[in-house]
ModelCIF file with pLDDT and N, C-alpha, C, O atoms, coordinates in Angstrom:
data_MODEL
#
_entry.id   MODEL 
#
_entity.id                         1 
_entity.type                       polymer 
_entity.pdbx_number_of_molecules   1 
#
_entity_poly.entity_id                      1 
_entity_poly.type                           'polypeptide(L)' 
_entity_poly.nstd_linkage                   no 
_entity_poly.nstd_monomer                   no 
_entity_poly.pdbx_seq_one_letter_code       ESAVDGDPTTQWGAGAEPTQWIEIDLGESKEIGEMLLTVAQFPAGIT 
_entity_poly.pdbx_seq_one_letter_code_can   ESAVDGDPTTQWGAGAEPTQWIEIDLGESKEIGEMLLTVAQFPAGIT 
_entity_poly.pdbx_strand_id                 A 
#
loop_
_entity_poly_seq.entity_id 
_entity_poly_seq.num 
_entity_poly_seq.mon_id 
_entity_poly_seq.hetero 
1 1  GLU n 
1 2  SER n 
1 3  ALA n 
1 4  VAL n 
1 5  ASP n 
1 6  GLY n 
1 7  ASP n 
1 8  PRO n 
1 9  THR n 
1 10 THR n 
1 11 GLN n 
1 12 TRP n 
1 13 GLY n 
1 14 ALA n 
1 15 GLY n 
1 16 ALA n 
1 17 GLU n 
1 18 PRO n 
1 19 THR n 
1 20 GLN n 
1 21 TRP n 
1 22 ILE n 
1 23 GLU n 
1 24 ILE n 
1 25 ASP n 
1 26 LEU n 
1 27 GLY n 
1 28 GLU n 
1 29 SER n 
1 30 LYS n 
1 31 GLU n 
1 32 ILE n 
1 33 GLY n 
1 34 GLU n 
1 35 MET n 
1 36 LEU n 
1 37 LEU n 
1 38 THR n 
1 39 VAL n 
1 40 ALA n 
1 41 GLN n 
1 42 PHE n 
1 43 PRO n 
1 44 ALA n 
1 45 GLY n 
1 46 ILE n 
1 47 THR n 
#
_struct_asym.id          A 
_struct_asym.entity_id   1 
#
loop_
_ma_qa_metric.id 
_ma_qa_metric.mode 
_ma_qa_metric.name 
_ma_qa_metric.software_group_id 
_ma_qa_metric.type 
1 global pLDDT . pLDDT 
2 local  pLDDT . pLDDT 
#
_ma_qa_metric_global.metric_id      1 
_ma_qa_metric_global.metric_value   94.26 
_ma_qa_metric_global.model_id       1 
_ma_qa_metric_global.ordinal_id     1 
#
loop_
_ma_qa_metric_local.label_asym_id 
_ma_qa_metric_local.label_comp_id 
_ma_qa_metric_local.label_seq_id 
_ma_qa_metric_local.metric_id 
_ma_qa_metric_local.metric_value 
_ma_qa_metric_local.model_id 
_ma_qa_metric_local.ordinal_id 
A GLU 1  2 95.00 1 1  
A SER 2  2 95.00 1 2  
A ALA 3  2 97.00 1 3  
A VAL 4  2 94.00 1 4  
A ASP 5  2 88.00 1 5  
A GLY 6  2 81.00 1 6  
A ASP 7  2 79.00 1 7  
A PRO 8  2 75.00 1 8  
A THR 9  2 77.00 1 9  
A THR 10 2 88.00 1 10 
A GLN 11 2 95.00 1 11 
A TRP 12 2 97.00 1 12 
A GLY 13 2 97.00 1 13 
A ALA 14 2 98.00 1 14 
A GLY 15 2 97.00 1 15 
A ALA 16 2 97.00 1 16 
A GLU 17 2 97.00 1 17 
A PRO 18 2 98.00 1 18 
A THR 19 2 97.00 1 19 
A GLN 20 2 98.00 1 20 
A TRP 21 2 98.00 1 21 
A ILE 22 2 98.00 1 22 
A GLU 23 2 98.00 1 23 
A ILE 24 2 98.00 1 24 
A ASP 25 2 97.00 1 25 
A LEU 26 2 96.00 1 26 
A GLY 27 2 95.00 1 27 
A GLU 28 2 96.00 1 28 
A SER 29 2 96.00 1 29 
A LYS 30 2 95.00 1 30 
A GLU 31 2 95.00 1 31 
A ILE 32 2 95.00 1 32 
A GLY 33 2 92.00 1 33 
A GLU 34 2 93.00 1 34 
A MET 35 2 95.00 1 35 
A LEU 36 2 94.00 1 36 
A LEU 37 2 96.00 1 37 
A THR 38 2 94.00 1 38 
A VAL 39 2 96.00 1 39 
A ALA 40 2 96.00 1 40 
A GLN 41 2 96.00 1 41 
A PHE 42 2 95.00 1 42 
A PRO 43 2 97.00 1 43 
A ALA 44 2 96.00 1 44 
A GLY 45 2 97.00 1 45 
A ILE 46 2 98.00 1 46 
A THR 47 2 98.00 1 47 
#
loop_
_atom_site.group_PDB 
_atom_site.id 
_atom_site.type_symbol 
_atom_site.label_atom_id 
_atom_site.label_alt_id 
_atom_site.label_comp_id 
_atom_site.label_asym_id 
_atom_site.label_entity_id 
_atom_site.label_seq_id 
_atom_site.pdbx_PDB_ins_code 
_atom_site.Cartn_x 
_atom_site.Cartn_y 
_atom_site.Cartn_z 
_atom_site.occupancy 
_atom_site.B_iso_or_equiv 
_atom_site.pdbx_formal_charge 
_atom_site.auth_seq_id 
_atom_site.auth_comp_id 
_atom_site.auth_asym_id 
_atom_site.auth_atom_id 
_atom_site.pdbx_PDB_model_num 
ATOM 1   N N  . GLU A 1 1  ? -9.340  2.039   -2.953  1.00 95.00 ? 1  GLU A N  1 
ATOM 2   C CA . GLU A 1 1  ? -10.071 1.316   -3.998  1.00 95.00 ? 1  GLU A CA 1 
ATOM 3   C C  . GLU A 1 1  ? -10.842 2.248   -4.934  1.00 95.00 ? 1  GLU A C  1 
ATOM 4   O O  . GLU A 1 1  ? -11.224 1.845   -6.033  1.00 95.00 ? 1  GLU A O  1 
ATOM 5   N N  . SER A 1 2  ? -11.073 3.491   -4.503  1.00 95.00 ? 2  SER A N  1 
ATOM 6   C CA . SER A 1 2  ? -11.767 4.446   -5.369  1.00 95.00 ? 2  SER A CA 1 
ATOM 7   C C  . SER A 1 2  ? -10.918 4.852   -6.570  1.00 95.00 ? 2  SER A C  1 
ATOM 8   O O  . SER A 1 2  ? -11.446 5.388   -7.545  1.00 95.00 ? 2  SER A O  1 
ATOM 9   N N  . ALA A 1 3  ? -9.609  4.604   -6.512  1.00 97.00 ? 3  ALA A N  1 
ATOM 10  C CA . ALA A 1 3  ? -8.736  4.922   -7.644  1.00 97.00 ? 3  ALA A CA 1 
ATOM 11  C C  . ALA A 1 3  ? -8.718  3.821   -8.687  1.00 97.00 ? 3  ALA A C  1 
ATOM 12  O O  . ALA A 1 3  ? -8.148  4.003   -9.763  1.00 97.00 ? 3  ALA A O  1 
ATOM 13  N N  . VAL A 1 4  ? -9.334  2.672   -8.390  1.00 94.00 ? 4  VAL A N  1 
ATOM 14  C CA . VAL A 1 4  ? -9.322  1.554   -9.339  1.00 94.00 ? 4  VAL A CA 1 
ATOM 15  C C  . VAL A 1 4  ? -10.738 1.004   -9.551  1.00 94.00 ? 4  VAL A C  1 
ATOM 16  O O  . VAL A 1 4  ? -10.909 -0.175  -9.861  1.00 94.00 ? 4  VAL A O  1 
ATOM 17  N N  . ASP A 1 5  ? -11.755 1.867   -9.381  1.00 88.00 ? 5  ASP A N  1 
ATOM 18  C CA . ASP A 1 5  ? -13.146 1.415   -9.520  1.00 88.00 ? 5  ASP A CA 1 
ATOM 19  C C  . ASP A 1 5  ? -13.750 1.738   -10.873 1.00 88.00 ? 5  ASP A C  1 
ATOM 20  O O  . ASP A 1 5  ? -14.915 1.424   -11.120 1.00 88.00 ? 5  ASP A O  1 
ATOM 21  N N  . GLY A 1 6  ? -12.965 2.373   -11.768 1.00 81.00 ? 6  GLY A N  1 
ATOM 22  C CA . GLY A 1 6  ? -13.467 2.706   -13.097 1.00 81.00 ? 6  GLY A CA 1 
ATOM 23  C C  . GLY A 1 6  ? -14.388 3.902   -13.135 1.00 81.00 ? 6  GLY A C  1 
ATOM 24  O O  . GLY A 1 6  ? -14.934 4.220   -14.192 1.00 81.00 ? 6  GLY A O  1 
ATOM 25  N N  . ASP A 1 7  ? -14.576 4.572   -12.018 1.00 79.00 ? 7  ASP A N  1 
ATOM 26  C CA . ASP A 1 7  ? -15.487 5.714   -11.928 1.00 79.00 ? 7  ASP A CA 1 
ATOM 27  C C  . ASP A 1 7  ? -14.686 6.992   -11.708 1.00 79.00 ? 7  ASP A C  1 
ATOM 28  O O  . ASP A 1 7  ? -14.120 7.181   -10.631 1.00 79.00 ? 7  ASP A O  1 
ATOM 29  N N  . PRO A 1 8  ? -14.627 7.888   -12.725 1.00 75.00 ? 8  PRO A N  1 
ATOM 30  C CA . PRO A 1 8  ? -13.840 9.113   -12.569 1.00 75.00 ? 8  PRO A CA 1 
ATOM 31  C C  . PRO A 1 8  ? -14.435 10.121  -11.605 1.00 75.00 ? 8  PRO A C  1 
ATOM 32  O O  . PRO A 1 8  ? -13.803 11.135  -11.311 1.00 75.00 ? 8  PRO A O  1 
ATOM 33  N N  . THR A 1 9  ? -15.659 9.863   -11.098 1.00 77.00 ? 9  THR A N  1 
ATOM 34  C CA . THR A 1 9  ? -16.249 10.791  -10.127 1.00 77.00 ? 9  THR A CA 1 
ATOM 35  C C  . THR A 1 9  ? -15.763 10.518  -8.708  1.00 77.00 ? 9  THR A C  1 
ATOM 36  O O  . THR A 1 9  ? -15.947 11.346  -7.817  1.00 77.00 ? 9  THR A O  1 
ATOM 37  N N  . THR A 1 10 ? -15.138 9.350   -8.495  1.00 88.00 ? 10 THR A N  1 
ATOM 38  C CA . THR A 1 10 ? -14.593 9.023   -7.182  1.00 88.00 ? 10 THR A CA 1 
ATOM 39  C C  . THR A 1 10 ? -13.076 9.156   -7.221  1.00 88.00 ? 10 THR A C  1 
ATOM 40  O O  . THR A 1 10 ? -12.488 9.238   -8.299  1.00 88.00 ? 10 THR A O  1 
ATOM 41  N N  . GLN A 1 11 ? -12.437 9.177   -6.050  1.00 95.00 ? 11 GLN A N  1 
ATOM 42  C CA . GLN A 1 11 ? -10.984 9.318   -6.027  1.00 95.00 ? 11 GLN A CA 1 
ATOM 43  C C  . GLN A 1 11 ? -10.423 8.788   -4.717  1.00 95.00 ? 11 GLN A C  1 
ATOM 44  O O  . GLN A 1 11 ? -11.105 8.747   -3.693  1.00 95.00 ? 11 GLN A O  1 
ATOM 45  N N  . TRP A 1 12 ? -9.141  8.377   -4.783  1.00 97.00 ? 12 TRP A N  1 
ATOM 46  C CA . TRP A 1 12 ? -8.392  8.131   -3.558  1.00 97.00 ? 12 TRP A CA 1 
ATOM 47  C C  . TRP A 1 12 ? -7.782  9.451   -3.112  1.00 97.00 ? 12 TRP A C  1 
ATOM 48  O O  . TRP A 1 12 ? -7.216  10.189  -3.919  1.00 97.00 ? 12 TRP A O  1 
ATOM 49  N N  . GLY A 1 13 ? -7.900  9.738   -1.833  1.00 97.00 ? 13 GLY A N  1 
ATOM 50  C CA . GLY A 1 13 ? -7.291  10.930  -1.279  1.00 97.00 ? 13 GLY A CA 1 
ATOM 51  C C  . GLY A 1 13 ? -6.523  10.587  -0.020  1.00 97.00 ? 13 GLY A C  1 
ATOM 52  O O  . GLY A 1 13 ? -7.077  10.024  0.925   1.00 97.00 ? 13 GLY A O  1 
ATOM 53  N N  . ALA A 1 14 ? -5.237  10.931  -0.010  1.00 98.00 ? 14 ALA A N  1 
ATOM 54  C CA . ALA A 1 14 ? -4.415  10.636  1.159   1.00 98.00 ? 14 ALA A CA 1 
ATOM 55  C C  . ALA A 1 14 ? -4.802  11.496  2.356   1.00 98.00 ? 14 ALA A C  1 
ATOM 56  O O  . ALA A 1 14 ? -4.606  11.101  3.505   1.00 98.00 ? 14 ALA A O  1 
ATOM 57  N N  . GLY A 1 15 ? -5.352  12.672  2.075   1.00 97.00 ? 15 GLY A N  1 
ATOM 58  C CA . GLY A 1 15 ? -5.666  13.592  3.160   1.00 97.00 ? 15 GLY A CA 1 
ATOM 59  C C  . GLY A 1 15 ? -4.432  14.170  3.793   1.00 97.00 ? 15 GLY A C  1 
ATOM 60  O O  . GLY A 1 15 ? -4.449  14.597  4.948   1.00 97.00 ? 15 GLY A O  1 
ATOM 61  N N  . ALA A 1 16 ? -3.342  14.182  3.019   1.00 97.00 ? 16 ALA A N  1 
ATOM 62  C CA . ALA A 1 16 ? -2.071  14.665  3.557   1.00 97.00 ? 16 ALA A CA 1 
ATOM 63  C C  . ALA A 1 16 ? -1.157  15.074  2.409   1.00 97.00 ? 16 ALA A C  1 
ATOM 64  O O  . ALA A 1 16 ? -1.372  14.697  1.257   1.00 97.00 ? 16 ALA A O  1 
ATOM 65  N N  . GLU A 1 17 ? -0.141  15.846  2.745   1.00 97.00 ? 17 GLU A N  1 
ATOM 66  C CA . GLU A 1 17 ? 0.820   16.306  1.753   1.00 97.00 ? 17 GLU A CA 1 
ATOM 67  C C  . GLU A 1 17 ? 1.840   15.201  1.457   1.00 97.00 ? 17 GLU A C  1 
ATOM 68  O O  . GLU A 1 17 ? 1.906   14.212  2.187   1.00 97.00 ? 17 GLU A O  1 
ATOM 69  N N  . PRO A 1 18 ? 2.636   15.361  0.392   1.00 98.00 ? 18 PRO A N  1 
ATOM 70  C CA . PRO A 1 18 ? 3.675   14.372  0.076   1.00 98.00 ? 18 PRO A CA 1 
ATOM 71  C C  . PRO A 1 18 ? 4.674   14.275  1.231   1.00 98.00 ? 18 PRO A C  1 
ATOM 72  O O  . PRO A 1 18 ? 4.836   15.228  1.992   1.00 98.00 ? 18 PRO A O  1 
ATOM 73  N N  . THR A 1 19 ? 5.337   13.136  1.362   1.00 97.00 ? 19 THR A N  1 
ATOM 74  C CA . THR A 1 19 ? 5.352   12.017  0.434   1.00 97.00 ? 19 THR A CA 1 
ATOM 75  C C  . THR A 1 19 ? 4.225   11.038  0.802   1.00 97.00 ? 19 THR A C  1 
ATOM 76  O O  . THR A 1 19 ? 4.033   10.705  1.971   1.00 97.00 ? 19 THR A O  1 
ATOM 77  N N  . GLN A 1 20 ? 3.467   10.575  -0.251  1.00 98.00 ? 20 GLN A N  1 
ATOM 78  C CA . GLN A 1 20 ? 2.400   9.604   -0.060  1.00 98.00 ? 20 GLN A CA 1 
ATOM 79  C C  . GLN A 1 20 ? 2.435   8.619   -1.230  1.00 98.00 ? 20 GLN A C  1 
ATOM 80  O O  . GLN A 1 20 ? 2.907   8.951   -2.317  1.00 98.00 ? 20 GLN A O  1 
ATOM 81  N N  . TRP A 1 21 ? 1.930   7.400   -0.996  1.00 98.00 ? 21 TRP A N  1 
ATOM 82  C CA . TRP A 1 21 ? 1.934   6.393   -2.056  1.00 98.00 ? 21 TRP A CA 1 
ATOM 83  C C  . TRP A 1 21 ? 0.627   5.612   -2.070  1.00 98.00 ? 21 TRP A C  1 
ATOM 84  O O  . TRP A 1 21 ? -0.082  5.524   -1.067  1.00 98.00 ? 21 TRP A O  1 
ATOM 85  N N  . ILE A 1 22 ? 0.330   5.044   -3.242  1.00 98.00 ? 22 ILE A N  1 
ATOM 86  C CA . ILE A 1 22 ? -0.755  4.085   -3.402  1.00 98.00 ? 22 ILE A CA 1 
ATOM 87  C C  . ILE A 1 22 ? -0.189  2.883   -4.126  1.00 98.00 ? 22 ILE A C  1 
ATOM 88  O O  . ILE A 1 22 ? 0.594   3.027   -5.065  1.00 98.00 ? 22 ILE A O  1 
ATOM 89  N N  . GLU A 1 23 ? -0.588  1.690   -3.690  1.00 98.00 ? 23 GLU A N  1 
ATOM 90  C CA . GLU A 1 23 ? -0.044  0.455   -4.247  1.00 98.00 ? 23 GLU A CA 1 
ATOM 91  C C  . GLU A 1 23 ? -1.182  -0.420  -4.755  1.00 98.00 ? 23 GLU A C  1 
ATOM 92  O O  . GLU A 1 23 ? -2.198  -0.589  -4.080  1.00 98.00 ? 23 GLU A O  1 
ATOM 93  N N  . ILE A 1 24 ? -1.003  -0.974  -5.950  1.00 98.00 ? 24 ILE A N  1 
ATOM 94  C CA . ILE A 1 24 ? -2.028  -1.795  -6.595  1.00 98.00 ? 24 ILE A CA 1 
ATOM 95  C C  . ILE A 1 24 ? -1.458  -3.184  -6.842  1.00 98.00 ? 24 ILE A C  1 
ATOM 96  O O  . ILE A 1 24 ? -0.417  -3.338  -7.481  1.00 98.00 ? 24 ILE A O  1 
ATOM 97  N N  . ASP A 1 25 ? -2.154  -4.192  -6.327  1.00 97.00 ? 25 ASP A N  1 
ATOM 98  C CA . ASP A 1 25 ? -1.730  -5.581  -6.469  1.00 97.00 ? 25 ASP A CA 1 
ATOM 99  C C  . ASP A 1 25 ? -2.604  -6.242  -7.538  1.00 97.00 ? 25 ASP A C  1 
ATOM 100 O O  . ASP A 1 25 ? -3.810  -6.392  -7.346  1.00 97.00 ? 25 ASP A O  1 
ATOM 101 N N  . LEU A 1 26 ? -1.999  -6.636  -8.662  1.00 96.00 ? 26 LEU A N  1 
ATOM 102 C CA . LEU A 1 26 ? -2.741  -7.227  -9.778  1.00 96.00 ? 26 LEU A CA 1 
ATOM 103 C C  . LEU A 1 26 ? -3.093  -8.689  -9.537  1.00 96.00 ? 26 LEU A C  1 
ATOM 104 O O  . LEU A 1 26 ? -3.755  -9.302  -10.374 1.00 96.00 ? 26 LEU A O  1 
ATOM 105 N N  . GLY A 1 27 ? -2.670  -9.260  -8.418  1.00 95.00 ? 27 GLY A N  1 
ATOM 106 C CA . GLY A 1 27 ? -3.018  -10.633 -8.086  1.00 95.00 ? 27 GLY A CA 1 
ATOM 107 C C  . GLY A 1 27 ? -2.023  -11.654 -8.565  1.00 95.00 ? 27 GLY A C  1 
ATOM 108 O O  . GLY A 1 27 ? -1.841  -12.689 -7.924  1.00 95.00 ? 27 GLY A O  1 
ATOM 109 N N  . GLU A 1 28 ? -1.377  -11.388 -9.675  1.00 96.00 ? 28 GLU A N  1 
ATOM 110 C CA . GLU A 1 28 ? -0.338  -12.241 -10.236 1.00 96.00 ? 28 GLU A CA 1 
ATOM 111 C C  . GLU A 1 28 ? 0.464   -11.407 -11.218 1.00 96.00 ? 28 GLU A C  1 
ATOM 112 O O  . GLU A 1 28 ? 0.041   -10.317 -11.602 1.00 96.00 ? 28 GLU A O  1 
ATOM 113 N N  . SER A 1 29 ? 1.607   -11.907 -11.623 1.00 96.00 ? 29 SER A N  1 
ATOM 114 C CA . SER A 1 29 ? 2.429   -11.162 -12.574 1.00 96.00 ? 29 SER A CA 1 
ATOM 115 C C  . SER A 1 29 ? 1.743   -11.085 -13.931 1.00 96.00 ? 29 SER A C  1 
ATOM 116 O O  . SER A 1 29 ? 1.292   -12.093 -14.475 1.00 96.00 ? 29 SER A O  1 
ATOM 117 N N  . LYS A 1 30 ? 1.674   -9.872  -14.466 1.00 95.00 ? 30 LYS A N  1 
ATOM 118 C CA . LYS A 1 30 ? 1.028   -9.645  -15.756 1.00 95.00 ? 30 LYS A CA 1 
ATOM 119 C C  . LYS A 1 30 ? 1.865   -8.677  -16.571 1.00 95.00 ? 30 LYS A C  1 
ATOM 120 O O  . LYS A 1 30 ? 2.581   -7.838  -16.024 1.00 95.00 ? 30 LYS A O  1 
ATOM 121 N N  . GLU A 1 31 ? 1.763   -8.806  -17.899 1.00 95.00 ? 31 GLU A N  1 
ATOM 122 C CA . GLU A 1 31 ? 2.489   -7.895  -18.771 1.00 95.00 ? 31 GLU A CA 1 
ATOM 123 C C  . GLU A 1 31 ? 1.748   -6.561  -18.834 1.00 95.00 ? 31 GLU A C  1 
ATOM 124 O O  . GLU A 1 31 ? 0.534   -6.512  -19.033 1.00 95.00 ? 31 GLU A O  1 
ATOM 125 N N  . ILE A 1 32 ? 2.500   -5.494  -18.662 1.00 95.00 ? 32 ILE A N  1 
ATOM 126 C CA . ILE A 1 32 ? 1.926   -4.148  -18.599 1.00 95.00 ? 32 ILE A CA 1 
ATOM 127 C C  . ILE A 1 32 ? 2.312   -3.383  -19.865 1.00 95.00 ? 32 ILE A C  1 
ATOM 128 O O  . ILE A 1 32 ? 3.487   -3.283  -20.218 1.00 95.00 ? 32 ILE A O  1 
ATOM 129 N N  . GLY A 1 33 ? 1.293   -2.846  -20.539 1.00 92.00 ? 33 GLY A N  1 
ATOM 130 C CA . GLY A 1 33 ? 1.550   -2.130  -21.778 1.00 92.00 ? 33 GLY A CA 1 
ATOM 131 C C  . GLY A 1 33 ? 1.491   -0.617  -21.644 1.00 92.00 ? 33 GLY A C  1 
ATOM 132 O O  . GLY A 1 33 ? 2.182   0.096   -22.371 1.00 92.00 ? 33 GLY A O  1 
ATOM 133 N N  . GLU A 1 34 ? 0.666   -0.114  -20.713 1.00 93.00 ? 34 GLU A N  1 
ATOM 134 C CA . GLU A 1 34 ? 0.507   1.333   -20.542 1.00 93.00 ? 34 GLU A CA 1 
ATOM 135 C C  . GLU A 1 34 ? -0.124  1.600   -19.192 1.00 93.00 ? 34 GLU A C  1 
ATOM 136 O O  . GLU A 1 34 ? -0.882  0.779   -18.675 1.00 93.00 ? 34 GLU A O  1 
ATOM 137 N N  . MET A 1 35 ? 0.195   2.766   -18.618 1.00 95.00 ? 35 MET A N  1 
ATOM 138 C CA . MET A 1 35 ? -0.469  3.223   -17.410 1.00 95.00 ? 35 MET A CA 1 
ATOM 139 C C  . MET A 1 35 ? -1.028  4.616   -17.645 1.00 95.00 ? 35 MET A C  1 
ATOM 140 O O  . MET A 1 35 ? -0.348  5.477   -18.203 1.00 95.00 ? 35 MET A O  1 
ATOM 141 N N  . LEU A 1 36 ? -2.273  4.839   -17.219 1.00 94.00 ? 36 LEU A N  1 
ATOM 142 C CA . LEU A 1 36 ? -2.927  6.144   -17.319 1.00 94.00 ? 36 LEU A CA 1 
ATOM 143 C C  . LEU A 1 36 ? -3.326  6.576   -15.918 1.00 94.00 ? 36 LEU A C  1 
ATOM 144 O O  . LEU A 1 36 ? -4.063  5.866   -15.232 1.00 94.00 ? 36 LEU A O  1 
ATOM 145 N N  . LEU A 1 37 ? -2.844  7.738   -15.489 1.00 96.00 ? 37 LEU A N  1 
ATOM 146 C CA . LEU A 1 37 ? -3.114  8.247   -14.146 1.00 96.00 ? 37 LEU A CA 1 
ATOM 147 C C  . LEU A 1 37 ? -3.881  9.559   -14.263 1.00 96.00 ? 37 LEU A C  1 
ATOM 148 O O  . LEU A 1 37 ? -3.362  10.551  -14.775 1.00 96.00 ? 37 LEU A O  1 
ATOM 149 N N  . THR A 1 38 ? -5.128  9.554   -13.780 1.00 94.00 ? 38 THR A N  1 
ATOM 150 C CA . THR A 1 38 ? -5.973  10.743  -13.853 1.00 94.00 ? 38 THR A CA 1 
ATOM 151 C C  . THR A 1 38 ? -5.806  11.557  -12.578 1.00 94.00 ? 38 THR A C  1 
ATOM 152 O O  . THR A 1 38 ? -6.072  11.077  -11.477 1.00 94.00 ? 38 THR A O  1 
ATOM 153 N N  . VAL A 1 39 ? -5.361  12.798  -12.747 1.00 96.00 ? 39 VAL A N  1 
ATOM 154 C CA . VAL A 1 39 ? -4.966  13.661  -11.637 1.00 96.00 ? 39 VAL A CA 1 
ATOM 155 C C  . VAL A 1 39 ? -6.174  14.184  -10.870 1.00 96.00 ? 39 VAL A C  1 
ATOM 156 O O  . VAL A 1 39 ? -7.168  14.598  -11.466 1.00 96.00 ? 39 VAL A O  1 
ATOM 157 N N  . ALA A 1 40 ? -6.079  14.162  -9.546  1.00 96.00 ? 40 ALA A N  1 
ATOM 158 C CA . ALA A 1 40 ? -7.002  14.882  -8.666  1.00 96.00 ? 40 ALA A CA 1 
ATOM 159 C C  . ALA A 1 40 ? -6.139  15.846  -7.856  1.00 96.00 ? 40 ALA A C  1 
ATOM 160 O O  . ALA A 1 40 ? -5.386  15.427  -6.977  1.00 96.00 ? 40 ALA A O  1 
ATOM 161 N N  . GLN A 1 41 ? -6.253  17.128  -8.154  1.00 96.00 ? 41 GLN A N  1 
ATOM 162 C CA . GLN A 1 41 ? -5.287  18.070  -7.562  1.00 96.00 ? 41 GLN A CA 1 
ATOM 163 C C  . GLN A 1 41 ? -5.850  19.480  -7.498  1.00 96.00 ? 41 GLN A C  1 
ATOM 164 O O  . GLN A 1 41 ? -6.425  19.976  -8.466  1.00 96.00 ? 41 GLN A O  1 
ATOM 165 N N  . PHE A 1 42 ? -5.679  20.116  -6.352  1.00 95.00 ? 42 PHE A N  1 
ATOM 166 C CA . PHE A 1 42 ? -5.972  21.544  -6.205  1.00 95.00 ? 42 PHE A CA 1 
ATOM 167 C C  . PHE A 1 42 ? -5.124  22.110  -5.072  1.00 95.00 ? 42 PHE A C  1 
ATOM 168 O O  . PHE A 1 42 ? -5.171  21.604  -3.951  1.00 95.00 ? 42 PHE A O  1 
ATOM 169 N N  . PRO A 1 43 ? -4.346  23.158  -5.354  1.00 97.00 ? 43 PRO A N  1 
ATOM 170 C CA . PRO A 1 43 ? -4.273  23.892  -6.619  1.00 97.00 ? 43 PRO A CA 1 
ATOM 171 C C  . PRO A 1 43 ? -3.348  23.206  -7.625  1.00 97.00 ? 43 PRO A C  1 
ATOM 172 O O  . PRO A 1 43 ? -2.662  22.235  -7.304  1.00 97.00 ? 43 PRO A O  1 
ATOM 173 N N  . ALA A 1 44 ? -3.347  23.742  -8.863  1.00 96.00 ? 44 ALA A N  1 
ATOM 174 C CA . ALA A 1 44 ? -2.438  23.250  -9.894  1.00 96.00 ? 44 ALA A CA 1 
ATOM 175 C C  . ALA A 1 44 ? -1.007  23.638  -9.542  1.00 96.00 ? 44 ALA A C  1 
ATOM 176 O O  . ALA A 1 44 ? -0.775  24.565  -8.767  1.00 96.00 ? 44 ALA A O  1 
ATOM 177 N N  . GLY A 1 45 ? -0.057  22.920  -10.119 1.00 97.00 ? 45 GLY A N  1 
ATOM 178 C CA . GLY A 1 45 ? 1.338   23.243  -9.869  1.00 97.00 ? 45 GLY A CA 1 
ATOM 179 C C  . GLY A 1 45 ? 2.255   22.096  -10.236 1.00 97.00 ? 45 GLY A C  1 
ATOM 180 O O  . GLY A 1 45 ? 1.810   21.078  -10.765 1.00 97.00 ? 45 GLY A O  1 
ATOM 181 N N  . ILE A 1 46 ? 3.536   22.263  -9.954  1.00 98.00 ? 46 ILE A N  1 
ATOM 182 C CA . ILE A 1 46 ? 4.536   21.252  -10.268 1.00 98.00 ? 46 ILE A CA 1 
ATOM 183 C C  . ILE A 1 46 ? 4.382   20.051  -9.332  1.00 98.00 ? 46 ILE A C  1 
ATOM 184 O O  . ILE A 1 46 ? 4.313   20.203  -8.112  1.00 98.00 ? 46 ILE A O  1 
ATOM 185 N N  . THR A 1 47 ? 4.330   18.849  -9.928  1.00 98.00 ? 47 THR A N  1 
ATOM 186 C CA . THR A 1 47 ? 4.269   17.619  -9.142  1.00 98.00 ? 47 THR A CA 1 
ATOM 187 C C  . THR A 1 47 ? 5.365   16.667  -9.596  1.00 98.00 ? 47 THR A C  1 
ATOM 188 O O  . THR A 1 47 ? 5.489   15.567  -9.058  1.00 98.00 ? 47 THR A O  1 
#
């Protein structure tokens, strides 16, 4: 839930290497116009 709280100081962390997923349920079908994903990553590299 920290990835959808509107606060960029918090984050979801799997605590593990790939493969990992996060799933968001909008409650009902809705039209989607854009998605913005703010990266939390160290070190930098190919993802």
